[in-house]
Amino acid sequence: MRKINQLDLFSGIGGFHLGFEKAGYKVKSYFSEVDKHAVAVYKHKFKDAEYVGSVTDVQGTDLPSIDLITFGSPCQDFSLAGKRKGMGGERSSLILEAIRLIGECRPRVFIWENVKGTFSSNSGEDFAAILQAFANIGGYRLEWQLLNTSWFLPQNRERIYLVGYSTNTKRNWRGVFPIGGNNTEDFTMEGSRKAVTKCLTARGQADLHSGLQLIKEVGDFRNDEGWRPRKDGLSPCLATRRSSEQDVSTMPPIIKGSRIRRLTPIECERLQGFPDNHTEYGNYDGEVKKMSNTQRYKQCGNAVTTDVVQAIAEKIKPLFK
C-alpha cells in the first residue's frame, strides 16, 4: 500500500490515523486539534505527523496534495445525552469548516464520524442539511451506516460513519457498506460474548484484565438509583464528561466481581482499540510529560474506535490504487 497524505481534523489522539495503519496503510498526517492534551498524545505517538492548528485556521492552499480527510466533528450538540441544539450549536457547526476543506483539498476519500443522535437531531433536519452540504461540494458519492463497536470490541458504542468518494469511481466498485451487523459474530474473547462491556466514555475510570475473563457482572452506577446491572453484558459507552452530583448518569462502567471497581485507563484504551498506554505520555512542545488519568479517560471517550476505522479502511483500499 502506497503512502497517503491524511488531513486529520478534530483529530483527538489519532484513532483514524491508527485505524488506517492497522489496515496496512502508510500514513503521513497533518492533524488539527485544539485540546492541548490530545495534541500532545498525537505528537508523542505519531512522530512524523505535522500539527496544523485549529480547523478554522487551516487553509487547503497551505497543504500538500491530500488523499484522505477524516473528521469526527464535535458532537455534543447532536448527542442524545446533550441539549440537542443540532447545527445551531456552536461546536457542531464546526463541521462546516471540514466541508470547506474538502472542497479546497478535493481528497480521494473523506470519512465523517458522529453520534447516533445526529440522525434524529431537530427531527432529522440537521442530518439532511449535512448531507446536502456534502452533496453541494460536487463530485462525490456518499454512503453511510450506523456501526457499533460491539461488533469488533467489547463496548456498546453506536456511531454514524459516512464515506464520500469520487463519482469517477469505476463501475465495478462495490461500495463501502454494509460492514458487520447483527448477523456477524460480534465479539469473541475467551469464547464468550458475555464479556462485552458498555460503551466507553471519557468521564470515567476503568481497569479490564486481559480477556475480561474475571468479569462477573457489568453495569453502571447512578446517584439516584445506585448499581444498575446491564442485562446484555455490554459495557456502557465511554463518555467525555467528568462525574458529578448534578449529572446522575455520568458514572463510568463498573465491573462487579470479587470487588466493585471502575475501568482503568488501559482498559479504556483497549475498548477503543488502542495499544496499552497509548495515552500515558504526551509531547508538550518538545517536553514529554505523563498524562493524568482524568485526561486519559477524556481522550479515550472522545476517540473513534480504531477497529471500526480499520474495517472501513480495508473496504476502501481499491480507491487508493
C-alpha atoms as a PDB file:
ATOM      1  CA  MET A   1       0.000   0.000   0.000  1.00  0.00           C
ATOM      2  CA  ARG A   2       1.437   3.353  -1.036  1.00  0.00           C
ATOM      3  CA  LYS A   3       1.837   6.241   1.352  1.00  0.00           C
ATOM      4  CA  ILE A   4      -1.184   8.531   1.693  1.00  0.00           C
ATOM      5  CA  ASN A   5      -1.438  12.080   2.983  1.00  0.00           C
ATOM      6  CA  GLN A   6      -4.168  12.429   5.594  1.00  0.00           C
ATOM      7  CA  LEU A   7      -5.751  15.635   6.867  1.00  0.00           C
ATOM      8  CA  ASP A   8      -6.967  14.548  10.304  1.00  0.00           C
ATOM      9  CA  LEU A   9      -9.458  17.143  11.595  1.00  0.00           C
ATOM     10  CA  PHE A  10     -10.693  17.183  15.217  1.00  0.00           C
ATOM     11  CA  SER A  11      -8.032  14.505  15.426  1.00  0.00           C
ATOM     12  CA  GLY A  12      -8.123  13.651  19.121  1.00  0.00           C
ATOM     13  CA  ILE A  13      -5.486  11.051  19.931  1.00  0.00           C
ATOM     14  CA  GLY A  14      -5.243   9.670  16.390  1.00  0.00           C
ATOM     15  CA  GLY A  15      -7.920   6.987  16.147  1.00  0.00           C
ATOM     16  CA  PHE A  16      -8.373   7.496  12.407  1.00  0.00           C
ATOM     17  CA  HIS A  17      -4.607   7.537  11.818  1.00  0.00           C
ATOM     18  CA  LEU A  18      -4.071   4.336  13.793  1.00  0.00           C
ATOM     19  CA  GLY A  19      -7.061   2.591  12.196  1.00  0.00           C
ATOM     20  CA  PHE A  20      -5.606   3.151   8.721  1.00  0.00           C
ATOM     21  CA  GLU A  21      -2.176   1.986   9.868  1.00  0.00           C
ATOM     22  CA  LYS A  22      -3.742  -1.191  11.277  1.00  0.00           C
ATOM     23  CA  ALA A  23      -5.245  -1.769   7.811  1.00  0.00           C
ATOM     24  CA  GLY A  24      -1.764  -1.610   6.279  1.00  0.00           C
ATOM     25  CA  TYR A  25      -1.638   1.972   5.018  1.00  0.00           C
ATOM     26  CA  LYS A  26       1.466   4.139   5.297  1.00  0.00           C
ATOM     27  CA  VAL A  27       0.062   7.384   6.660  1.00  0.00           C
ATOM     28  CA  LYS A  28       1.508  10.892   6.709  1.00  0.00           C
ATOM     29  CA  SER A  29      -0.810  13.010   8.833  1.00  0.00           C
ATOM     30  CA  TYR A  30      -1.462  16.720   9.007  1.00  0.00           C
ATOM     31  CA  PHE A  31      -3.604  16.982  12.106  1.00  0.00           C
ATOM     32  CA  SER A  32      -5.847  19.670  13.548  1.00  0.00           C
ATOM     33  CA  GLU A  33      -6.985  19.746  17.175  1.00  0.00           C
ATOM     34  CA  VAL A  34      -7.484  22.380  19.888  1.00  0.00           C
ATOM     35  CA  ASP A  35      -7.241  20.199  23.011  1.00  0.00           C
ATOM     36  CA  LYS A  36      -3.622  20.567  24.118  1.00  0.00           C
ATOM     37  CA  HIS A  37      -3.530  17.166  25.802  1.00  0.00           C
ATOM     38  CA  ALA A  38      -4.840  15.358  22.706  1.00  0.00           C
ATOM     39  CA  VAL A  39      -2.295  17.258  20.597  1.00  0.00           C
ATOM     40  CA  ALA A  40       0.449  16.150  22.983  1.00  0.00           C
ATOM     41  CA  VAL A  41      -0.558  12.469  22.734  1.00  0.00           C
ATOM     42  CA  TYR A  42      -0.750  12.661  18.929  1.00  0.00           C
ATOM     43  CA  LYS A  43       2.702  14.242  18.675  1.00  0.00           C
ATOM     44  CA  HIS A  44       4.171  11.647  21.029  1.00  0.00           C
ATOM     45  CA  LYS A  45       2.699   8.606  19.275  1.00  0.00           C
ATOM     46  CA  PHE A  46       2.990   9.713  15.634  1.00  0.00           C
ATOM     47  CA  LYS A  47       6.408  11.304  15.336  1.00  0.00           C
ATOM     48  CA  ASP A  48       6.145  12.194  11.618  1.00  0.00           C
ATOM     49  CA  ALA A  49       2.762  13.899  11.928  1.00  0.00           C
ATOM     50  CA  GLU A  50       2.553  17.668  11.428  1.00  0.00           C
ATOM     51  CA  TYR A  51       0.311  19.833  13.596  1.00  0.00           C
ATOM     52  CA  VAL A  52      -1.642  22.449  11.607  1.00  0.00           C
ATOM     53  CA  GLY A  53      -3.566  24.210  14.388  1.00  0.00           C
ATOM     54  CA  SER A  54      -7.294  24.879  14.727  1.00  0.00           C
ATOM     55  CA  VAL A  55      -9.601  23.823  11.903  1.00  0.00           C
ATOM     56  CA  THR A  56     -10.690  27.434  11.474  1.00  0.00           C
ATOM     57  CA  ASP A  57      -7.113  28.393  10.599  1.00  0.00           C
ATOM     58  CA  VAL A  58      -6.316  25.548   8.186  1.00  0.00           C
ATOM     59  CA  GLN A  59      -6.230  26.505   4.505  1.00  0.00           C
ATOM     60  CA  GLY A  60      -6.111  23.954   1.708  1.00  0.00           C
ATOM     61  CA  THR A  61      -3.600  26.078  -0.205  1.00  0.00           C
ATOM     62  CA  ASP A  62      -1.100  25.672   2.650  1.00  0.00           C
ATOM     63  CA  LEU A  63      -1.179  21.870   2.458  1.00  0.00           C
ATOM     64  CA  PRO A  64       0.355  19.332   0.064  1.00  0.00           C
ATOM     65  CA  SER A  65      -1.922  17.107  -2.013  1.00  0.00           C
ATOM     66  CA  ILE A  66      -4.341  15.421   0.401  1.00  0.00           C
ATOM     67  CA  ASP A  67      -5.600  11.880  -0.294  1.00  0.00           C
ATOM     68  CA  LEU A  68      -7.825  11.444   2.751  1.00  0.00           C
ATOM     69  CA  ILE A  69      -9.738  13.747   5.103  1.00  0.00           C
ATOM     70  CA  THR A  70     -11.081  12.261   8.331  1.00  0.00           C
ATOM     71  CA  PHE A  71     -13.109  14.017  10.974  1.00  0.00           C
ATOM     72  CA  GLY A  72     -15.283  13.232  13.940  1.00  0.00           C
ATOM     73  CA  SER A  73     -16.540  16.785  14.380  1.00  0.00           C
ATOM     74  CA  PRO A  74     -17.674  17.884  17.867  1.00  0.00           C
ATOM     75  CA  CYS A  75     -20.894  16.030  18.593  1.00  0.00           C
ATOM     76  CA  GLN A  76     -22.140  17.407  21.914  1.00  0.00           C
ATOM     77  CA  ASP A  77     -24.990  19.338  20.313  1.00  0.00           C
ATOM     78  CA  PHE A  78     -26.162  16.234  18.437  1.00  0.00           C
ATOM     79  CA  SER A  79     -25.828  13.777  21.302  1.00  0.00           C
ATOM     80  CA  LEU A  80     -28.884  12.093  22.787  1.00  0.00           C
ATOM     81  CA  ALA A  81     -27.439  12.971  26.189  1.00  0.00           C
ATOM     82  CA  GLY A  82     -26.786  16.601  25.286  1.00  0.00           C
ATOM     83  CA  LYS A  83     -29.033  19.626  24.882  1.00  0.00           C
ATOM     84  CA  ARG A  84     -29.710  18.717  21.246  1.00  0.00           C
ATOM     85  CA  LYS A  85     -29.015  22.129  19.718  1.00  0.00           C
ATOM     86  CA  GLY A  86     -28.030  20.423  16.475  1.00  0.00           C
ATOM     87  CA  MET A  87     -26.456  22.534  13.758  1.00  0.00           C
ATOM     88  CA  GLY A  88     -27.405  25.606  15.755  1.00  0.00           C
ATOM     89  CA  GLY A  89     -24.883  24.605  18.400  1.00  0.00           C
ATOM     90  CA  GLU A  90     -21.541  26.393  18.315  1.00  0.00           C
ATOM     91  CA  ARG A  91     -19.466  23.213  18.440  1.00  0.00           C
ATOM     92  CA  SER A  92     -21.403  21.083  15.968  1.00  0.00           C
ATOM     93  CA  SER A  93     -21.414  23.845  13.360  1.00  0.00           C
ATOM     94  CA  LEU A  94     -17.647  23.321  13.050  1.00  0.00           C
ATOM     95  CA  ILE A  95     -18.492  20.565  10.574  1.00  0.00           C
ATOM     96  CA  LEU A  96     -18.887  23.378   8.052  1.00  0.00           C
ATOM     97  CA  GLU A  97     -15.139  24.038   8.356  1.00  0.00           C
ATOM     98  CA  ALA A  98     -14.439  20.414   7.453  1.00  0.00           C
ATOM     99  CA  ILE A  99     -16.779  20.669   4.470  1.00  0.00           C
ATOM    100  CA  ARG A 100     -14.914  23.805   3.374  1.00  0.00           C
ATOM    101  CA  LEU A 101     -11.611  21.930   3.473  1.00  0.00           C
ATOM    102  CA  ILE A 102     -12.996  19.002   1.493  1.00  0.00           C
ATOM    103  CA  GLY A 103     -13.846  21.483  -1.260  1.00  0.00           C
ATOM    104  CA  GLU A 104     -10.414  23.098  -1.069  1.00  0.00           C
ATOM    105  CA  CYS A 105      -8.357  19.886  -0.914  1.00  0.00           C
ATOM    106  CA  ARG A 106     -10.502  17.568  -3.061  1.00  0.00           C
ATOM    107  CA  PRO A 107      -9.279  14.337  -1.410  1.00  0.00           C
ATOM    108  CA  ARG A 108      -9.918  10.930  -2.946  1.00  0.00           C
ATOM    109  CA  VAL A 109     -11.916   9.953   0.140  1.00  0.00           C
ATOM    110  CA  PHE A 110     -13.363  11.648   3.204  1.00  0.00           C
ATOM    111  CA  ILE A 111     -14.798   9.967   6.286  1.00  0.00           C
ATOM    112  CA  TRP A 112     -17.038  11.598   8.880  1.00  0.00           C
ATOM    113  CA  GLU A 113     -17.940  10.033  12.237  1.00  0.00           C
ATOM    114  CA  ASN A 114     -20.616  11.227  14.633  1.00  0.00           C
ATOM    115  CA  VAL A 115     -23.106  10.133  17.271  1.00  0.00           C
ATOM    116  CA  LYS A 116     -26.345   8.270  16.579  1.00  0.00           C
ATOM    117  CA  GLY A 117     -28.331  11.308  17.714  1.00  0.00           C
ATOM    118  CA  THR A 118     -27.325  13.129  14.524  1.00  0.00           C
ATOM    119  CA  PHE A 119     -29.974  11.091  12.701  1.00  0.00           C
ATOM    120  CA  SER A 120     -32.783  12.499  14.836  1.00  0.00           C
ATOM    121  CA  SER A 121     -31.442  15.953  15.743  1.00  0.00           C
ATOM    122  CA  ASN A 122     -34.091  18.601  15.014  1.00  0.00           C
ATOM    123  CA  SER A 123     -36.421  15.916  13.652  1.00  0.00           C
ATOM    124  CA  GLY A 124     -33.841  14.791  11.119  1.00  0.00           C
ATOM    125  CA  GLU A 125     -33.407  18.213   9.563  1.00  0.00           C
ATOM    126  CA  ASP A 126     -29.788  18.557  10.705  1.00  0.00           C
ATOM    127  CA  PHE A 127     -28.680  15.287   9.092  1.00  0.00           C
ATOM    128  CA  ALA A 128     -30.491  16.227   5.877  1.00  0.00           C
ATOM    129  CA  ALA A 129     -28.718  19.607   5.905  1.00  0.00           C
ATOM    130  CA  ILE A 130     -25.347  17.941   6.404  1.00  0.00           C
ATOM    131  CA  LEU A 131     -25.968  15.546   3.500  1.00  0.00           C
ATOM    132  CA  GLN A 132     -26.959  18.475   1.304  1.00  0.00           C
ATOM    133  CA  ALA A 133     -23.788  20.342   2.282  1.00  0.00           C
ATOM    134  CA  PHE A 134     -21.680  17.314   1.330  1.00  0.00           C
ATOM    135  CA  ALA A 135     -23.560  16.962  -1.949  1.00  0.00           C
ATOM    136  CA  ASN A 136     -23.017  20.636  -2.733  1.00  0.00           C
ATOM    137  CA  ILE A 137     -19.260  20.082  -2.800  1.00  0.00           C
ATOM    138  CA  GLY A 138     -19.839  18.186  -6.026  1.00  0.00           C
ATOM    139  CA  GLY A 139     -18.071  15.157  -7.451  1.00  0.00           C
ATOM    140  CA  TYR A 140     -18.560  12.755  -4.529  1.00  0.00           C
ATOM    141  CA  ARG A 141     -20.775   9.750  -3.887  1.00  0.00           C
ATOM    142  CA  LEU A 142     -21.937   9.322  -0.295  1.00  0.00           C
ATOM    143  CA  GLU A 143     -22.504   6.172   1.768  1.00  0.00           C
ATOM    144  CA  TRP A 144     -23.236   5.893   5.469  1.00  0.00           C
ATOM    145  CA  GLN A 145     -24.048   3.305   8.109  1.00  0.00           C
ATOM    146  CA  LEU A 146     -24.604   3.145  11.849  1.00  0.00           C
ATOM    147  CA  LEU A 147     -21.787   0.936  13.159  1.00  0.00           C
ATOM    148  CA  ASN A 148     -21.382  -0.486  16.650  1.00  0.00           C
ATOM    149  CA  THR A 149     -18.035  -1.010  18.365  1.00  0.00           C
ATOM    150  CA  SER A 150     -19.506  -4.180  19.929  1.00  0.00           C
ATOM    151  CA  TRP A 151     -19.160  -5.884  16.527  1.00  0.00           C
ATOM    152  CA  PHE A 152     -15.382  -5.617  16.983  1.00  0.00           C
ATOM    153  CA  LEU A 153     -14.607  -4.922  20.661  1.00  0.00           C
ATOM    154  CA  PRO A 154     -16.450  -5.322  23.998  1.00  0.00           C
ATOM    155  CA  GLN A 155     -18.105  -1.894  24.099  1.00  0.00           C
ATOM    156  CA  ASN A 156     -21.617  -0.856  23.096  1.00  0.00           C
ATOM    157  CA  ARG A 157     -20.874   2.304  21.102  1.00  0.00           C
ATOM    158  CA  GLU A 158     -23.075   3.223  18.137  1.00  0.00           C
ATOM    159  CA  ARG A 159     -21.719   5.825  15.731  1.00  0.00           C
ATOM    160  CA  ILE A 160     -22.584   7.047  12.246  1.00  0.00           C
ATOM    161  CA  TYR A 161     -19.798   6.667   9.681  1.00  0.00           C
ATOM    162  CA  LEU A 162     -20.216   8.479   6.360  1.00  0.00           C
ATOM    163  CA  VAL A 163     -17.793   7.951   3.474  1.00  0.00           C
ATOM    164  CA  GLY A 164     -17.508  10.216   0.439  1.00  0.00           C
ATOM    165  CA  TYR A 165     -15.563   9.147  -2.660  1.00  0.00           C
ATOM    166  CA  SER A 166     -15.201  10.280  -6.256  1.00  0.00           C
ATOM    167  CA  THR A 167     -18.111   9.909  -8.672  1.00  0.00           C
ATOM    168  CA  ASN A 168     -15.499   8.797 -11.215  1.00  0.00           C
ATOM    169  CA  THR A 169     -15.007   5.512  -9.409  1.00  0.00           C
ATOM    170  CA  LYS A 170     -15.118   2.501 -11.747  1.00  0.00           C
ATOM    171  CA  ARG A 171     -18.478   0.796 -12.154  1.00  0.00           C
ATOM    172  CA  ASN A 172     -17.194  -2.493 -10.727  1.00  0.00           C
ATOM    173  CA  TRP A 173     -16.553  -0.771  -7.389  1.00  0.00           C
ATOM    174  CA  ARG A 174     -18.966  -2.448  -4.960  1.00  0.00           C
ATOM    175  CA  GLY A 175     -19.029   0.306  -2.367  1.00  0.00           C
ATOM    176  CA  VAL A 176     -18.158   0.524   1.304  1.00  0.00           C
ATOM    177  CA  PHE A 177     -21.187  -0.627   3.258  1.00  0.00           C
ATOM    178  CA  PRO A 178     -22.615  -2.747   4.743  1.00  0.00           C
ATOM    179  CA  ILE A 179     -19.984  -3.651   7.319  1.00  0.00           C
ATOM    180  CA  GLY A 180     -20.646  -6.090  10.145  1.00  0.00           C
ATOM    181  CA  GLY A 181     -24.015  -6.208  11.842  1.00  0.00           C
ATOM    182  CA  ASN A 182     -26.170  -8.475  13.936  1.00  0.00           C
ATOM    183  CA  ASN A 183     -25.675 -11.393  11.568  1.00  0.00           C
ATOM    184  CA  THR A 184     -21.945 -11.497  12.337  1.00  0.00           C
ATOM    185  CA  GLU A 185     -20.113 -12.746  15.398  1.00  0.00           C
ATOM    186  CA  ASP A 186     -19.945  -9.523  17.372  1.00  0.00           C
ATOM    187  CA  PHE A 187     -17.022 -10.137  19.674  1.00  0.00           C
ATOM    188  CA  THR A 188     -15.187 -13.247  20.742  1.00  0.00           C
ATOM    189  CA  MET A 189     -12.764 -13.236  23.618  1.00  0.00           C
ATOM    190  CA  GLU A 190     -12.159 -16.429  25.535  1.00  0.00           C
ATOM    191  CA  GLY A 191     -15.062 -17.816  23.505  1.00  0.00           C
ATOM    192  CA  SER A 192     -17.735 -15.732  25.186  1.00  0.00           C
ATOM    193  CA  ARG A 193     -19.659 -12.683  24.040  1.00  0.00           C
ATOM    194  CA  LYS A 194     -20.861 -12.167  27.624  1.00  0.00           C
ATOM    195  CA  ALA A 195     -17.558 -10.422  28.295  1.00  0.00           C
ATOM    196  CA  VAL A 196     -18.628  -7.339  26.334  1.00  0.00           C
ATOM    197  CA  THR A 197     -18.847  -4.059  28.230  1.00  0.00           C
ATOM    198  CA  LYS A 198     -20.888  -0.894  27.852  1.00  0.00           C
ATOM    199  CA  CYS A 199     -19.740   1.951  25.626  1.00  0.00           C
ATOM    200  CA  LEU A 200     -16.691   3.732  26.981  1.00  0.00           C
ATOM    201  CA  THR A 201     -16.871   7.387  27.953  1.00  0.00           C
ATOM    202  CA  ALA A 202     -14.120   9.840  28.747  1.00  0.00           C
ATOM    203  CA  ARG A 203     -15.644  10.768  32.065  1.00  0.00           C
ATOM    204  CA  GLY A 204     -14.846   7.630  33.964  1.00  0.00           C
ATOM    205  CA  GLN A 205     -12.198   5.235  35.071  1.00  0.00           C
ATOM    206  CA  ALA A 206     -11.548   1.666  34.010  1.00  0.00           C
ATOM    207  CA  ASP A 207      -9.409  -1.447  34.641  1.00  0.00           C
ATOM    208  CA  LEU A 208     -10.055  -4.538  32.485  1.00  0.00           C
ATOM    209  CA  HIS A 209      -7.872  -7.618  32.788  1.00  0.00           C
ATOM    210  CA  SER A 210      -6.657  -9.112  29.504  1.00  0.00           C
ATOM    211  CA  GLY A 211      -9.509 -11.088  28.019  1.00  0.00           C
ATOM    212  CA  LEU A 212     -12.007  -9.715  30.557  1.00  0.00           C
ATOM    213  CA  GLN A 213     -12.245 -13.242  31.915  1.00  0.00           C
ATOM    214  CA  LEU A 214     -12.659 -12.058  35.519  1.00  0.00           C
ATOM    215  CA  ILE A 215     -15.869 -10.108  34.841  1.00  0.00           C
ATOM    216  CA  LYS A 216     -18.930 -11.486  36.625  1.00  0.00           C
ATOM    217  CA  GLU A 217     -21.269  -8.563  36.095  1.00  0.00           C
ATOM    218  CA  VAL A 218     -21.042  -5.260  34.242  1.00  0.00           C
ATOM    219  CA  GLY A 219     -23.100  -2.167  34.826  1.00  0.00           C
ATOM    220  CA  ASP A 220     -23.008   1.433  35.910  1.00  0.00           C
ATOM    221  CA  PHE A 221     -23.882   3.487  38.950  1.00  0.00           C
ATOM    222  CA  ARG A 222     -26.383   6.340  39.131  1.00  0.00           C
ATOM    223  CA  ASN A 223     -26.517   8.708  42.055  1.00  0.00           C
ATOM    224  CA  ASP A 224     -30.317   8.404  42.096  1.00  0.00           C
ATOM    225  CA  GLU A 225     -30.661   4.635  41.503  1.00  0.00           C
ATOM    226  CA  GLY A 226     -27.369   3.120  42.633  1.00  0.00           C
ATOM    227  CA  TRP A 227     -25.944  -0.015  40.999  1.00  0.00           C
ATOM    228  CA  ARG A 228     -27.603  -0.952  37.680  1.00  0.00           C
ATOM    229  CA  PRO A 229     -26.518  -4.257  36.102  1.00  0.00           C
ATOM    230  CA  ARG A 230     -26.595  -4.488  32.296  1.00  0.00           C
ATOM    231  CA  LYS A 231     -28.652  -7.460  31.136  1.00  0.00           C
ATOM    232  CA  ASP A 232     -26.911  -7.606  27.755  1.00  0.00           C
ATOM    233  CA  GLY A 233     -23.471  -7.873  29.360  1.00  0.00           C
ATOM    234  CA  LEU A 234     -22.139  -4.924  27.344  1.00  0.00           C
ATOM    235  CA  SER A 235     -20.085  -2.104  28.777  1.00  0.00           C
ATOM    236  CA  PRO A 236     -21.802   1.297  28.577  1.00  0.00           C
ATOM    237  CA  CYS A 237     -20.391   3.747  26.041  1.00  0.00           C
ATOM    238  CA  LEU A 238     -17.290   5.662  27.074  1.00  0.00           C
ATOM    239  CA  ALA A 239     -18.219   9.302  27.587  1.00  0.00           C
ATOM    240  CA  THR A 240     -16.205  12.516  27.739  1.00  0.00           C
ATOM    241  CA  ARG A 241     -17.637  14.231  30.811  1.00  0.00           C
ATOM    242  CA  ARG A 242     -16.452  14.068  34.392  1.00  0.00           C
ATOM    243  CA  SER A 243     -18.705  12.538  37.028  1.00  0.00           C
ATOM    244  CA  SER A 244     -20.775  14.968  39.045  1.00  0.00           C
ATOM    245  CA  GLU A 245     -23.523  15.010  41.632  1.00  0.00           C
ATOM    246  CA  GLN A 246     -25.620  17.124  39.252  1.00  0.00           C
ATOM    247  CA  ASP A 247     -25.467  14.658  36.368  1.00  0.00           C
ATOM    248  CA  VAL A 248     -26.760  11.342  37.676  1.00  0.00           C
ATOM    249  CA  SER A 249     -25.777   9.440  34.543  1.00  0.00           C
ATOM    250  CA  THR A 250     -22.106  10.327  34.323  1.00  0.00           C
ATOM    251  CA  MET A 251     -20.604   7.432  36.235  1.00  0.00           C
ATOM    252  CA  PRO A 252     -18.295   5.200  34.178  1.00  0.00           C
ATOM    253  CA  PRO A 253     -18.755   1.474  33.510  1.00  0.00           C
ATOM    254  CA  ILE A 254     -18.236  -0.633  36.623  1.00  0.00           C
ATOM    255  CA  ILE A 255     -17.205  -4.277  36.944  1.00  0.00           C
ATOM    256  CA  LYS A 256     -18.819  -6.195  39.784  1.00  0.00           C
ATOM    257  CA  GLY A 257     -16.942  -9.358  40.641  1.00  0.00           C
ATOM    258  CA  SER A 258     -14.747 -10.151  43.597  1.00  0.00           C
ATOM    259  CA  ARG A 259     -14.806  -6.396  44.144  1.00  0.00           C
ATOM    260  CA  ILE A 260     -16.538  -3.400  42.602  1.00  0.00           C
ATOM    261  CA  ARG A 261     -14.229  -1.206  40.608  1.00  0.00           C
ATOM    262  CA  ARG A 262     -14.168   1.194  37.694  1.00  0.00           C
ATOM    263  CA  LEU A 263     -12.308   0.662  34.446  1.00  0.00           C
ATOM    264  CA  THR A 264      -8.645   1.682  34.280  1.00  0.00           C
ATOM    265  CA  PRO A 265      -7.123   3.911  31.573  1.00  0.00           C
ATOM    266  CA  ILE A 266      -5.547   0.860  29.911  1.00  0.00           C
ATOM    267  CA  GLU A 267      -8.914  -0.887  29.760  1.00  0.00           C
ATOM    268  CA  CYS A 268     -10.471   2.200  28.181  1.00  0.00           C
ATOM    269  CA  GLU A 269      -7.688   2.201  25.593  1.00  0.00           C
ATOM    270  CA  ARG A 270      -8.331  -1.470  24.830  1.00  0.00           C
ATOM    271  CA  LEU A 271     -12.071  -0.896  24.468  1.00  0.00           C
ATOM    272  CA  GLN A 272     -11.272   1.688  21.773  1.00  0.00           C
ATOM    273  CA  GLY A 273      -8.682  -0.498  20.038  1.00  0.00           C
ATOM    274  CA  PHE A 274      -5.594   1.454  21.109  1.00  0.00           C
ATOM    275  CA  PRO A 275      -2.378  -0.179  22.350  1.00  0.00           C
ATOM    276  CA  ASP A 276      -1.863  -0.272  26.090  1.00  0.00           C
ATOM    277  CA  ASN A 277      -0.677   3.085  27.465  1.00  0.00           C
ATOM    278  CA  HIS A 278      -1.313   4.943  24.208  1.00  0.00           C
ATOM    279  CA  THR A 279      -2.387   7.935  26.310  1.00  0.00           C
ATOM    280  CA  GLU A 280       0.164   7.583  29.117  1.00  0.00           C
ATOM    281  CA  TYR A 281       2.509  10.306  27.845  1.00  0.00           C
ATOM    282  CA  GLY A 282       2.243  13.455  25.771  1.00  0.00           C
ATOM    283  CA  ASN A 283       4.719  15.676  23.941  1.00  0.00           C
ATOM    284  CA  TYR A 284       4.213  19.247  25.132  1.00  0.00           C
ATOM    285  CA  ASP A 285       6.333  21.481  22.920  1.00  0.00           C
ATOM    286  CA  GLY A 286       9.196  19.010  22.930  1.00  0.00           C
ATOM    287  CA  GLU A 287       8.884  18.017  26.592  1.00  0.00           C
ATOM    288  CA  VAL A 288       7.426  14.565  27.244  1.00  0.00           C
ATOM    289  CA  LYS A 289       5.168  14.518  30.300  1.00  0.00           C
ATOM    290  CA  LYS A 290       2.999  11.887  31.975  1.00  0.00           C
ATOM    291  CA  MET A 291      -0.731  12.321  31.355  1.00  0.00           C
ATOM    292  CA  SER A 292      -3.172  12.466  34.262  1.00  0.00           C
ATOM    293  CA  ASN A 293      -5.769   9.708  34.497  1.00  0.00           C
ATOM    294  CA  THR A 294      -8.506  12.320  34.171  1.00  0.00           C
ATOM    295  CA  GLN A 295      -7.150  13.325  30.771  1.00  0.00           C
ATOM    296  CA  ARG A 296      -6.591   9.713  29.723  1.00  0.00           C
ATOM    297  CA  TYR A 297     -10.268   8.895  30.329  1.00  0.00           C
ATOM    298  CA  LYS A 298     -11.368  12.010  28.482  1.00  0.00           C
ATOM    299  CA  GLN A 299      -9.164  11.300  25.477  1.00  0.00           C
ATOM    300  CA  CYS A 300     -10.372   7.695  25.215  1.00  0.00           C
ATOM    301  CA  GLY A 301     -14.003   8.758  25.439  1.00  0.00           C
ATOM    302  CA  ASN A 302     -13.517  11.352  22.698  1.00  0.00           C
ATOM    303  CA  ALA A 303     -11.737   8.934  20.369  1.00  0.00           C
ATOM    304  CA  VAL A 304     -13.034   6.932  17.427  1.00  0.00           C
ATOM    305  CA  THR A 305     -12.755   3.160  17.742  1.00  0.00           C
ATOM    306  CA  THR A 306      -9.697   2.156  15.743  1.00  0.00           C
ATOM    307  CA  ASP A 307     -11.027  -1.293  14.833  1.00  0.00           C
ATOM    308  CA  VAL A 308     -14.141   0.227  13.238  1.00  0.00           C
ATOM    309  CA  VAL A 309     -11.942   2.610  11.236  1.00  0.00           C
ATOM    310  CA  GLN A 310      -9.747  -0.323  10.217  1.00  0.00           C
ATOM    311  CA  ALA A 311     -12.772  -2.181   8.823  1.00  0.00           C
ATOM    312  CA  ILE A 312     -13.687   0.837   6.683  1.00  0.00           C
ATOM    313  CA  ALA A 313     -10.065   1.332   5.609  1.00  0.00           C
ATOM    314  CA  GLU A 314      -9.909  -2.277   4.403  1.00  0.00           C
ATOM    315  CA  LYS A 315     -13.038  -1.815   2.279  1.00  0.00           C
ATOM    316  CA  ILE A 316     -11.806   1.346   0.538  1.00  0.00           C
ATOM    317  CA  LYS A 317      -8.328   0.115  -0.446  1.00  0.00           C
ATOM    318  CA  PRO A 318      -9.329  -0.125  -4.146  1.00  0.00           C
ATOM    319  CA  LEU A 319      -9.924   3.653  -4.098  1.00  0.00           C
ATOM    320  CA  PHE A 320      -6.216   4.300  -3.400  1.00  0.00           C
ATOM    321  CA  LYS A 321      -4.732   2.084  -6.113  1.00  0.00           C
END
